[in-house]
Amino acid sequence: MTASAFSLSVLVAGEGFEVTAGEPVVGGAGSPDLRHFFCPKCMSWMFTRPDAIGPFVNVRSPLLDDPSGLEPFMETQTAEKLPWATTPAKHSFDRFPAPEDFGRLMAEYAESRA
């Protein structure tokens, strides 16, 4: 969906996320519990609601006004990555981590930012 070596995003609590203008459309390679939202004008991928892991929103970090300081903590879907594509992420998953692992990973991330 990114047509790139990377899909950069940041996981935020659902209650801390709000669309303030426009009405994104659902599309892409989603499923009932993984909905990708796009700009209706240019069809840029904006965010994903991964309902399987709880009330979170996965926001495409290039959309943020200031993404500085967001060093990768976790990379997913590495089974499909290009061999030369590397990140400094502490955790790497061939696909996605199991939903029950997200609490532990989020706690570890929060501790690393303290």
Protein backbone atom coordinates (compact mmCIF):
# COMPACT_ATOMS: atom_id res chain seq x y z
CA MET A 1 0.00 0.00 0.00
CA THR A 2 2.94 2.37 0.44
CA ALA A 3 4.82 1.69 -2.80
CA SER A 4 7.91 2.18 -0.67
CA ALA A 5 10.46 0.29 1.39
CA PHE A 6 8.87 1.69 4.56
CA SER A 7 5.45 2.44 5.99
CA LEU A 8 6.12 4.86 8.83
CA SER A 9 3.43 5.25 11.45
CA VAL A 10 2.84 5.99 15.11
CA LEU A 11 0.31 4.18 17.32
CA VAL A 12 -1.82 6.60 19.35
CA ALA A 13 -4.66 6.10 21.80
CA GLY A 14 -8.01 6.37 20.03
CA GLU A 15 -9.32 8.96 22.48
CA GLY A 16 -6.35 11.19 21.61
CA PHE A 17 -7.11 11.15 17.89
CA GLU A 18 -9.61 13.23 15.97
CA VAL A 19 -10.17 14.02 12.30
CA THR A 20 -10.67 17.79 12.31
CA ALA A 21 -11.45 18.38 8.63
CA GLY A 22 -12.83 16.32 5.80
CA GLU A 23 -14.21 12.81 5.77
CA PRO A 24 -11.61 10.04 5.15
CA VAL A 25 -12.71 7.01 3.12
CA VAL A 26 -12.02 3.37 3.94
CA GLY A 27 -9.99 1.40 1.40
CA GLY A 28 -6.87 -0.64 0.81
CA ALA A 29 -6.12 -4.19 1.89
CA GLY A 30 -8.14 -4.14 5.09
CA SER A 31 -10.44 -6.49 6.94
CA PRO A 32 -13.38 -6.01 9.32
CA ASP A 33 -11.00 -5.37 12.23
CA LEU A 34 -8.29 -3.50 10.28
CA ARG A 35 -9.64 -0.46 8.45
CA HIS A 36 -7.34 1.82 6.42
CA PHE A 37 -8.49 5.42 5.91
CA PHE A 38 -7.52 7.56 2.93
CA CYS A 39 -7.87 11.17 1.83
CA PRO A 40 -10.91 11.25 -0.50
CA LYS A 41 -9.22 13.81 -2.76
CA CYS A 42 -5.71 12.40 -3.35
CA MET A 43 -6.25 8.88 -1.89
CA SER A 44 -3.15 9.17 0.33
CA TRP A 45 -3.16 6.62 3.14
CA MET A 46 -3.70 8.62 6.34
CA PHE A 47 -4.36 6.24 9.24
CA THR A 48 -5.52 2.77 10.23
CA ARG A 49 -7.86 1.63 12.97
CA PRO A 50 -6.53 -1.80 14.06
CA ASP A 51 -9.56 -2.81 16.17
CA ALA A 52 -8.02 -6.20 17.06
CA ILE A 53 -5.51 -4.53 19.41
CA GLY A 54 -7.97 -2.17 21.08
CA PRO A 55 -8.98 1.48 20.79
CA PHE A 56 -5.88 2.69 18.96
CA VAL A 57 -5.20 4.53 15.72
CA ASN A 58 -2.09 3.92 13.64
CA VAL A 59 -1.31 7.35 12.13
CA ARG A 60 1.05 7.75 9.17
CA SER A 61 3.87 9.74 10.77
CA PRO A 62 4.72 11.75 7.61
CA LEU A 63 1.34 13.47 8.19
CA LEU A 64 2.44 14.86 11.57
CA ASP A 65 3.45 18.52 11.78
CA ASP A 66 6.58 17.54 13.72
CA PRO A 67 7.58 13.85 13.64
CA SER A 68 11.06 14.59 15.03
CA GLY A 69 12.03 12.41 17.95
CA LEU A 70 9.98 9.44 16.76
CA GLU A 71 12.74 6.86 16.38
CA PRO A 72 11.39 3.42 15.37
CA PHE A 73 10.66 1.14 18.33
CA MET A 74 9.01 -1.73 16.47
CA GLU A 75 8.93 -2.90 12.86
CA THR A 76 6.32 -5.25 11.43
CA GLN A 77 5.77 -7.18 8.21
CA THR A 78 9.52 -7.79 7.89
CA ALA A 79 8.88 -11.03 6.01
CA GLU A 80 8.20 -8.76 3.02
CA LYS A 81 10.91 -6.14 3.51
CA LEU A 82 13.71 -5.47 1.09
CA PRO A 83 17.01 -6.99 2.26
CA TRP A 84 18.75 -3.59 2.43
CA ALA A 85 15.93 -1.83 4.33
CA THR A 86 17.01 -1.49 7.95
CA THR A 87 15.78 0.47 10.95
CA PRO A 88 17.06 0.93 14.51
CA ALA A 89 13.83 -0.66 15.84
CA LYS A 90 14.25 -2.63 19.06
CA HIS A 91 11.61 -5.22 18.06
CA SER A 92 11.03 -6.87 14.70
CA PHE A 93 8.12 -9.09 13.63
CA ASP A 94 7.67 -11.10 10.42
CA ARG A 95 3.99 -10.12 10.49
CA PHE A 96 2.20 -8.31 13.33
CA PRO A 97 2.71 -9.07 17.01
CA ALA A 98 -0.09 -11.01 18.66
CA PRO A 99 -2.79 -8.72 20.12
CA GLU A 100 -1.91 -9.92 23.62
CA ASP A 101 1.68 -8.66 23.13
CA PHE A 102 0.70 -5.03 22.54
CA GLY A 103 0.22 -4.22 26.23
CA ARG A 104 3.75 -5.39 27.05
CA LEU A 105 5.24 -3.62 24.05
CA MET A 106 3.44 -0.37 24.86
CA ALA A 107 4.59 -0.51 28.48
CA GLU A 108 8.17 -1.11 27.34
CA TYR A 109 7.95 1.79 24.90
CA ALA A 110 6.53 4.10 27.58
CA GLU A 111 9.35 3.12 29.94
CA SER A 112 11.96 3.80 27.25
CA ARG A 113 10.55 7.32 26.75
CA ALA A 114 10.50 8.19 30.48
